[in-house]
Structures are given as C-alpha cells and as structure tokens.
Amino acid sequence: VVLAGGGFKRGYAHGTTDAQGMAAATDPCLPDDVSSTIFANLGIDPKLEINSSTGRPIQLFREGTVVDKLLA
C-alpha cells in the first residue's frame, strides 16, 4: 500500500518480509490497522459504534488498532 499525505511518514517502510517477500516477518500491519490509523488521524475514534437503520450497533473497526509508527 502506498499512502501520500494525511499525516503519514514520508518514505517509510513498515516491518519486514520473509525471504521471498510473500508474508510479513515482523510487525504486520493489517487493512483494519491502516483504516483505524486513518480514522484516528482524522479525529474519529476507530472503536466508535454507529447504529444501522434498524438500530443495531455496529463498531467501525472491531479488529484494527492504531499504528502510531506510520504517523509523522
């Protein structure tokens, strides 16, 4: 994933991969982590619950955590 602007570090490669470059070897960053980090950087709590049209509470990101290492 390549990101530009939005408070992210410039020229930063996060973690390492295995010898084949197929899987994260250290400090994996999952899609929910990236999304949670973007929302937090926008001032929106990634654990915020919103209600569906039927009144059912839905959490924005159940699994993601904010990855401060990605932010400038």
PDB file of N, CA and C in Angstrom:
ATOM      1  N   VAL A   1       0.843  -1.173   0.000  1.00  0.00           N
ATOM      2  CA  VAL A   1       0.000   0.000   0.000  1.00  0.00           C
ATOM      3  C   VAL A   1       0.886   1.233   0.000  1.00  0.00           C
ATOM      4  N   VAL A   2       0.574   2.179  -0.850  1.00  0.00           N
ATOM      5  CA  VAL A   2       1.292   3.448  -0.896  1.00  0.00           C
ATOM      6  C   VAL A   2       0.317   4.534  -0.465  1.00  0.00           C
ATOM      7  N   LEU A   3       0.711   5.333   0.513  1.00  0.00           N
ATOM      8  CA  LEU A   3      -0.119   6.423   1.012  1.00  0.00           C
ATOM      9  C   LEU A   3       0.634   7.732   0.864  1.00  0.00           C
ATOM     10  N   ALA A   4      -0.087   8.793   0.575  1.00  0.00           N
ATOM     11  CA  ALA A   4       0.540  10.106   0.450  1.00  0.00           C
ATOM     12  C   ALA A   4      -0.249  11.115   1.273  1.00  0.00           C
ATOM     13  N   GLY A   5       0.476  11.968   2.005  1.00  0.00           N
ATOM     14  CA  GLY A   5      -0.170  12.998   2.800  1.00  0.00           C
ATOM     15  C   GLY A   5      -0.894  12.417   3.997  1.00  0.00           C
ATOM     16  N   GLY A   6      -1.812  13.179   4.536  1.00  0.00           N
ATOM     17  CA  GLY A   6      -2.641  12.696   5.627  1.00  0.00           C
ATOM     18  C   GLY A   6      -1.924  12.457   6.933  1.00  0.00           C
ATOM     19  N   GLY A   7      -0.725  13.004   7.086  1.00  0.00           N
ATOM     20  CA  GLY A   7      -0.002  12.850   8.337  1.00  0.00           C
ATOM     21  C   GLY A   7       0.859  11.608   8.421  1.00  0.00           C
ATOM     22  N   PHE A   8       0.971  10.860   7.322  1.00  0.00           N
ATOM     23  CA  PHE A   8       1.814   9.668   7.321  1.00  0.00           C
ATOM     24  C   PHE A   8       3.271  10.035   7.052  1.00  0.00           C
ATOM     25  N   LYS A   9       4.175   9.208   7.562  1.00  0.00           N
ATOM     26  CA  LYS A   9       5.604   9.430   7.342  1.00  0.00           C
ATOM     27  C   LYS A   9       5.925   9.310   5.856  1.00  0.00           C
ATOM     28  N   ARG A  10       6.876  10.115   5.413  1.00  0.00           N
ATOM     29  CA  ARG A  10       7.319  10.053   4.022  1.00  0.00           C
ATOM     30  C   ARG A  10       8.448   9.039   3.892  1.00  0.00           C
ATOM     31  N   GLY A  11       8.394   8.204   2.857  1.00  0.00           N
ATOM     32  CA  GLY A  11       9.466   7.259   2.574  1.00  0.00           C
ATOM     33  C   GLY A  11       9.676   6.211   3.639  1.00  0.00           C
ATOM     34  N   TYR A  12       8.633   5.810   4.315  1.00  0.00           N
ATOM     35  CA  TYR A  12       8.744   4.870   5.429  1.00  0.00           C
ATOM     36  C   TYR A  12       8.276   3.484   5.004  1.00  0.00           C
ATOM     37  N   ALA A  13       9.101   2.471   5.238  1.00  0.00           N
ATOM     38  CA  ALA A  13       8.718   1.073   5.017  1.00  0.00           C
ATOM     39  C   ALA A  13       8.513   0.436   6.385  1.00  0.00           C
ATOM     40  N   HIS A  14       7.328  -0.081   6.625  1.00  0.00           N
ATOM     41  CA  HIS A  14       6.961  -0.604   7.941  1.00  0.00           C
ATOM     42  C   HIS A  14       7.180  -2.108   8.008  1.00  0.00           C
ATOM     43  N   GLY A  15       7.933  -2.588   8.996  1.00  0.00           N
ATOM     44  CA  GLY A  15       8.146  -4.014   9.215  1.00  0.00           C
ATOM     45  C   GLY A  15       9.080  -4.634   8.186  1.00  0.00           C
ATOM     46  N   THR A  16       9.155  -5.957   8.208  1.00  0.00           N
ATOM     47  CA  THR A  16       9.985  -6.694   7.254  1.00  0.00           C
ATOM     48  C   THR A  16       9.175  -7.866   6.701  1.00  0.00           C
ATOM     49  N   THR A  17       9.665  -8.420   5.587  1.00  0.00           N
ATOM     50  CA  THR A  17       9.017  -9.575   4.984  1.00  0.00           C
ATOM     51  C   THR A  17       9.940 -10.784   5.047  1.00  0.00           C
ATOM     52  N   ASP A  18       9.385 -11.943   4.706  1.00  0.00           N
ATOM     53  CA  ASP A  18      10.209 -13.151   4.647  1.00  0.00           C
ATOM     54  C   ASP A  18      11.153 -13.070   3.443  1.00  0.00           C
ATOM     55  N   ALA A  19      11.984 -14.076   3.267  1.00  0.00           N
ATOM     56  CA  ALA A  19      12.996 -14.060   2.210  1.00  0.00           C
ATOM     57  C   ALA A  19      12.383 -13.942   0.813  1.00  0.00           C
ATOM     58  N   GLN A  20      11.176 -14.453   0.625  1.00  0.00           N
ATOM     59  CA  GLN A  20      10.515 -14.377  -0.680  1.00  0.00           C
ATOM     60  C   GLN A  20       9.666 -13.112  -0.852  1.00  0.00           C
ATOM     61  N   GLY A  21       9.503 -12.353   0.203  1.00  0.00           N
ATOM     62  CA  GLY A  21       8.674 -11.152   0.147  1.00  0.00           C
ATOM     63  C   GLY A  21       7.184 -11.453   0.058  1.00  0.00           C
ATOM     64  N   MET A  22       6.787 -12.620   0.517  1.00  0.00           N
ATOM     65  CA  MET A  22       5.395 -13.049   0.394  1.00  0.00           C
ATOM     66  C   MET A  22       4.558 -12.817   1.656  1.00  0.00           C
ATOM     67  N   ALA A  23       5.210 -12.699   2.805  1.00  0.00           N
ATOM     68  CA  ALA A  23       4.468 -12.561   4.058  1.00  0.00           C
ATOM     69  C   ALA A  23       5.244 -11.664   5.017  1.00  0.00           C
ATOM     70  N   ALA A  24       4.511 -11.022   5.899  1.00  0.00           N
ATOM     71  CA  ALA A  24       5.151 -10.169   6.903  1.00  0.00           C
ATOM     72  C   ALA A  24       5.921 -11.035   7.888  1.00  0.00           C
ATOM     73  N   ALA A  25       7.180 -10.669   8.118  1.00  0.00           N
ATOM     74  CA  ALA A  25       8.011 -11.399   9.083  1.00  0.00           C
ATOM     75  C   ALA A  25       7.956 -10.732  10.448  1.00  0.00           C
ATOM     76  N   THR A  26       7.958  -9.407  10.470  1.00  0.00           N
ATOM     77  CA  THR A  26       7.880  -8.676  11.736  1.00  0.00           C
ATOM     78  C   THR A  26       6.884  -7.531  11.608  1.00  0.00           C
ATOM     79  N   ASP A  27       6.186  -7.279  12.684  1.00  0.00           N
ATOM     80  CA  ASP A  27       5.286  -6.132  12.813  1.00  0.00           C
ATOM     81  C   ASP A  27       4.290  -6.000  11.651  1.00  0.00           C
ATOM     82  N   PRO A  28       3.456  -7.026  11.411  1.00  0.00           N
ATOM     83  CA  PRO A  28       2.492  -6.926  10.312  1.00  0.00           C
ATOM     84  C   PRO A  28       1.466  -5.825  10.565  1.00  0.00           C
ATOM     85  N   CYS A  29       1.021  -5.203   9.507  1.00  0.00           N
ATOM     86  CA  CYS A  29       0.025  -4.137   9.576  1.00  0.00           C
ATOM     87  C   CYS A  29      -1.136  -4.546   8.665  1.00  0.00           C
ATOM     88  N   LEU A  30      -2.256  -4.898   9.257  1.00  0.00           N
ATOM     89  CA  LEU A  30      -3.405  -5.410   8.520  1.00  0.00           C
ATOM     90  C   LEU A  30      -4.274  -4.265   7.990  1.00  0.00           C
ATOM     91  N   PRO A  31      -5.154  -4.544   7.017  1.00  0.00           N
ATOM     92  CA  PRO A  31      -6.013  -3.487   6.473  1.00  0.00           C
ATOM     93  C   PRO A  31      -6.823  -2.745   7.536  1.00  0.00           C
ATOM     94  N   ASP A  32      -7.356  -3.463   8.533  1.00  0.00           N
ATOM     95  CA  ASP A  32      -8.102  -2.784   9.600  1.00  0.00           C
ATOM     96  C   ASP A  32      -7.198  -1.864  10.415  1.00  0.00           C
ATOM     97  N   ASP A  33      -5.914  -2.217  10.542  1.00  0.00           N
ATOM     98  CA  ASP A  33      -4.962  -1.354  11.248  1.00  0.00           C
ATOM     99  C   ASP A  33      -4.751  -0.049  10.480  1.00  0.00           C
ATOM    100  N   VAL A  34      -4.589  -0.156   9.164  1.00  0.00           N
ATOM    101  CA  VAL A  34      -4.399   1.042   8.334  1.00  0.00           C
ATOM    102  C   VAL A  34      -5.649   1.913   8.399  1.00  0.00           C
ATOM    103  N   SER A  35      -6.822   1.305   8.266  1.00  0.00           N
ATOM    104  CA  SER A  35      -8.078   2.060   8.325  1.00  0.00           C
ATOM    105  C   SER A  35      -8.271   2.715   9.686  1.00  0.00           C
ATOM    106  N   SER A  36      -7.982   1.994  10.753  1.00  0.00           N
ATOM    107  CA  SER A  36      -8.098   2.557  12.104  1.00  0.00           C
ATOM    108  C   SER A  36      -7.153   3.732  12.284  1.00  0.00           C
ATOM    109  N   THR A  37      -5.951   3.620  11.738  1.00  0.00           N
ATOM    110  CA  THR A  37      -4.964   4.696  11.836  1.00  0.00           C
ATOM    111  C   THR A  37      -5.436   5.930  11.076  1.00  0.00           C
ATOM    112  N   ILE A  38      -5.992   5.733   9.886  1.00  0.00           N
ATOM    113  CA  ILE A  38      -6.512   6.858   9.094  1.00  0.00           C
ATOM    114  C   ILE A  38      -7.651   7.543   9.843  1.00  0.00           C
ATOM    115  N   PHE A  39      -8.602   6.761  10.356  1.00  0.00           N
ATOM    116  CA  PHE A  39      -9.730   7.345  11.086  1.00  0.00           C
ATOM    117  C   PHE A  39      -9.250   8.103  12.319  1.00  0.00           C
ATOM    118  N   ALA A  40      -8.335   7.524  13.082  1.00  0.00           N
ATOM    119  CA  ALA A  40      -7.823   8.192  14.280  1.00  0.00           C
ATOM    120  C   ALA A  40      -7.123   9.491  13.911  1.00  0.00           C
ATOM    121  N   ASN A  41      -6.395   9.490  12.799  1.00  0.00           N
ATOM    122  CA  ASN A  41      -5.694  10.693  12.358  1.00  0.00           C
ATOM    123  C   ASN A  41      -6.678  11.785  11.929  1.00  0.00           C
ATOM    124  N   LEU A  42      -7.869  11.381  11.511  1.00  0.00           N
ATOM    125  CA  LEU A  42      -8.920  12.339  11.158  1.00  0.00           C
ATOM    126  C   LEU A  42      -9.726  12.792  12.374  1.00  0.00           C
ATOM    127  N   GLY A  43      -9.403  12.232  13.546  1.00  0.00           N
ATOM    128  CA  GLY A  43     -10.101  12.608  14.766  1.00  0.00           C
ATOM    129  C   GLY A  43     -11.346  11.781  15.038  1.00  0.00           C
ATOM    130  N   ILE A  44     -11.495  10.655  14.336  1.00  0.00           N
ATOM    131  CA  ILE A  44     -12.648   9.770  14.526  1.00  0.00           C
ATOM    132  C   ILE A  44     -12.183   8.532  15.283  1.00  0.00           C
ATOM    133  N   ASP A  45     -12.829   8.232  16.391  1.00  0.00           N
ATOM    134  CA  ASP A  45     -12.469   7.060  17.186  1.00  0.00           C
ATOM    135  C   ASP A  45     -12.766   5.794  16.387  1.00  0.00           C
ATOM    136  N   PRO A  46     -11.737   4.973  16.069  1.00  0.00           N
ATOM    137  CA  PRO A  46     -11.980   3.764  15.287  1.00  0.00           C
ATOM    138  C   PRO A  46     -12.862   2.739  16.002  1.00  0.00           C
ATOM    139  N   LYS A  47     -13.008   2.845  17.305  1.00  0.00           N
ATOM    140  CA  LYS A  47     -13.863   1.928  18.066  1.00  0.00           C
ATOM    141  C   LYS A  47     -15.282   2.475  18.221  1.00  0.00           C
ATOM    142  N   LEU A  48     -15.561   3.588  17.553  1.00  0.00           N
ATOM    143  CA  LEU A  48     -16.876   4.221  17.615  1.00  0.00           C
ATOM    144  C   LEU A  48     -17.955   3.254  17.134  1.00  0.00           C
ATOM    145  N   GLU A  49     -19.072   3.241  17.830  1.00  0.00           N
ATOM    146  CA  GLU A  49     -20.215   2.437  17.410  1.00  0.00           C
ATOM    147  C   GLU A  49     -21.255   3.354  16.801  1.00  0.00           C
ATOM    148  N   ILE A  50     -21.736   2.962  15.633  1.00  0.00           N
ATOM    149  CA  ILE A  50     -22.830   3.681  14.988  1.00  0.00           C
ATOM    150  C   ILE A  50     -24.018   2.734  14.911  1.00  0.00           C
ATOM    151  N   ASN A  51     -25.205   3.285  14.748  1.00  0.00           N
ATOM    152  CA  ASN A  51     -26.404   2.455  14.663  1.00  0.00           C
ATOM    153  C   ASN A  51     -26.828   2.307  13.210  1.00  0.00           C
ATOM    154  N   SER A  52     -27.181   1.073  12.840  1.00  0.00           N
ATOM    155  CA  SER A  52     -27.692   0.818  11.495  1.00  0.00           C
ATOM    156  C   SER A  52     -29.105   1.384  11.393  1.00  0.00           C
ATOM    157  N   SER A  53     -29.685   1.292  10.210  1.00  0.00           N
ATOM    158  CA  SER A  53     -31.046   1.804  10.024  1.00  0.00           C
ATOM    159  C   SER A  53     -32.069   1.041  10.862  1.00  0.00           C
ATOM    160  N   THR A  54     -31.704  -0.161  11.304  1.00  0.00           N
ATOM    161  CA  THR A  54     -32.606  -0.938  12.163  1.00  0.00           C
ATOM    162  C   THR A  54     -32.283  -0.764  13.644  1.00  0.00           C
ATOM    163  N   GLY A  55     -31.306   0.098  13.959  1.00  0.00           N
ATOM    164  CA  GLY A  55     -30.952   0.358  15.344  1.00  0.00           C
ATOM    165  C   GLY A  55     -29.884  -0.555  15.903  1.00  0.00           C
ATOM    166  N   ARG A  56     -29.337  -1.428  15.071  1.00  0.00           N
ATOM    167  CA  ARG A  56     -28.297  -2.364  15.525  1.00  0.00           C
ATOM    168  C   ARG A  56     -26.958  -1.633  15.633  1.00  0.00           C
ATOM    169  N   PRO A  57     -26.266  -1.723  16.780  1.00  0.00           N
ATOM    170  CA  PRO A  57     -24.968  -1.056  16.916  1.00  0.00           C
ATOM    171  C   PRO A  57     -23.887  -1.781  16.103  1.00  0.00           C
ATOM    172  N   ILE A  58     -23.099  -1.007  15.370  1.00  0.00           N
ATOM    173  CA  ILE A  58     -22.022  -1.552  14.548  1.00  0.00           C
ATOM    174  C   ILE A  58     -20.750  -0.779  14.867  1.00  0.00           C
ATOM    175  N   GLN A  59     -19.709  -1.498  15.240  1.00  0.00           N
ATOM    176  CA  GLN A  59     -18.419  -0.872  15.519  1.00  0.00           C
ATOM    177  C   GLN A  59     -17.694  -0.655  14.198  1.00  0.00           C
ATOM    178  N   LEU A  60     -17.076   0.533  14.012  1.00  0.00           N
ATOM    179  CA  LEU A  60     -16.393   0.825  12.755  1.00  0.00           C
ATOM    180  C   LEU A  60     -15.334  -0.222  12.434  1.00  0.00           C
ATOM    181  N   PHE A  61     -14.432  -0.470  13.375  1.00  0.00           N
ATOM    182  CA  PHE A  61     -13.371  -1.457  13.174  1.00  0.00           C
ATOM    183  C   PHE A  61     -13.238  -2.287  14.436  1.00  0.00           C
ATOM    184  N   ARG A  62     -13.607  -3.559  14.370  1.00  0.00           N
ATOM    185  CA  ARG A  62     -13.519  -4.434  15.539  1.00  0.00           C
ATOM    186  C   ARG A  62     -12.094  -4.906  15.779  1.00  0.00           C
ATOM    187  N   GLU A  63     -11.354  -5.157  14.723  1.00  0.00           N
ATOM    188  CA  GLU A  63     -10.044  -5.783  14.845  1.00  0.00           C
ATOM    189  C   GLU A  63      -8.875  -4.801  14.780  1.00  0.00           C
ATOM    190  N   GLY A  64      -9.033  -3.683  14.129  1.00  0.00           N
ATOM    191  CA  GLY A  64      -7.914  -2.783  13.870  1.00  0.00           C
ATOM    192  C   GLY A  64      -7.414  -2.035  15.087  1.00  0.00           C
ATOM    193  N   THR A  65      -6.114  -1.756  15.078  1.00  0.00           N
ATOM    194  CA  THR A  65      -5.500  -0.915  16.099  1.00  0.00           C
ATOM    195  C   THR A  65      -4.743   0.209  15.405  1.00  0.00           C
ATOM    196  N   VAL A  66      -4.625   1.319  16.073  1.00  0.00           N
ATOM    197  CA  VAL A  66      -3.895   2.461  15.524  1.00  0.00           C
ATOM    198  C   VAL A  66      -2.401   2.155  15.574  1.00  0.00           C
ATOM    199  N   VAL A  67      -1.722   2.336  14.435  1.00  0.00           N
ATOM    200  CA  VAL A  67      -0.285   2.077  14.332  1.00  0.00           C
ATOM    201  C   VAL A  67       0.420   3.433  14.313  1.00  0.00           C
ATOM    202  N   ASP A  68       0.858   3.876  15.496  1.00  0.00           N
ATOM    203  CA  ASP A  68       1.489   5.190  15.621  1.00  0.00           C
ATOM    204  C   ASP A  68       2.781   5.302  14.820  1.00  0.00           C
ATOM    205  N   LYS A  69       3.452   4.175  14.563  1.00  0.00           N
ATOM    206  CA  LYS A  69       4.710   4.201  13.809  1.00  0.00           C
ATOM    207  C   LYS A  69       4.516   4.692  12.380  1.00  0.00           C
ATOM    208  N   LEU A  70       3.290   4.634  11.861  1.00  0.00           N
ATOM    209  CA  LEU A  70       3.021   5.083  10.495  1.00  0.00           C
ATOM    210  C   LEU A  70       2.884   6.595  10.389  1.00  0.00           C
ATOM    211  N   LEU A  71       2.633   7.254  11.518  1.00  0.00           N
ATOM    212  CA  LEU A  71       2.340   8.685  11.501  1.00  0.00           C
ATOM    213  C   LEU A  71       3.590   9.531  11.689  1.00  0.00           C
ATOM    214  N   ALA A  72       3.582  10.666  11.006  1.00  0.00           N
ATOM    215  CA  ALA A  72       4.721  11.587  11.100  1.00  0.00           C
ATOM    216  C   ALA A  72       4.728  12.298  12.436  1.00  0.00           C
TER     217      ALA A  72
END
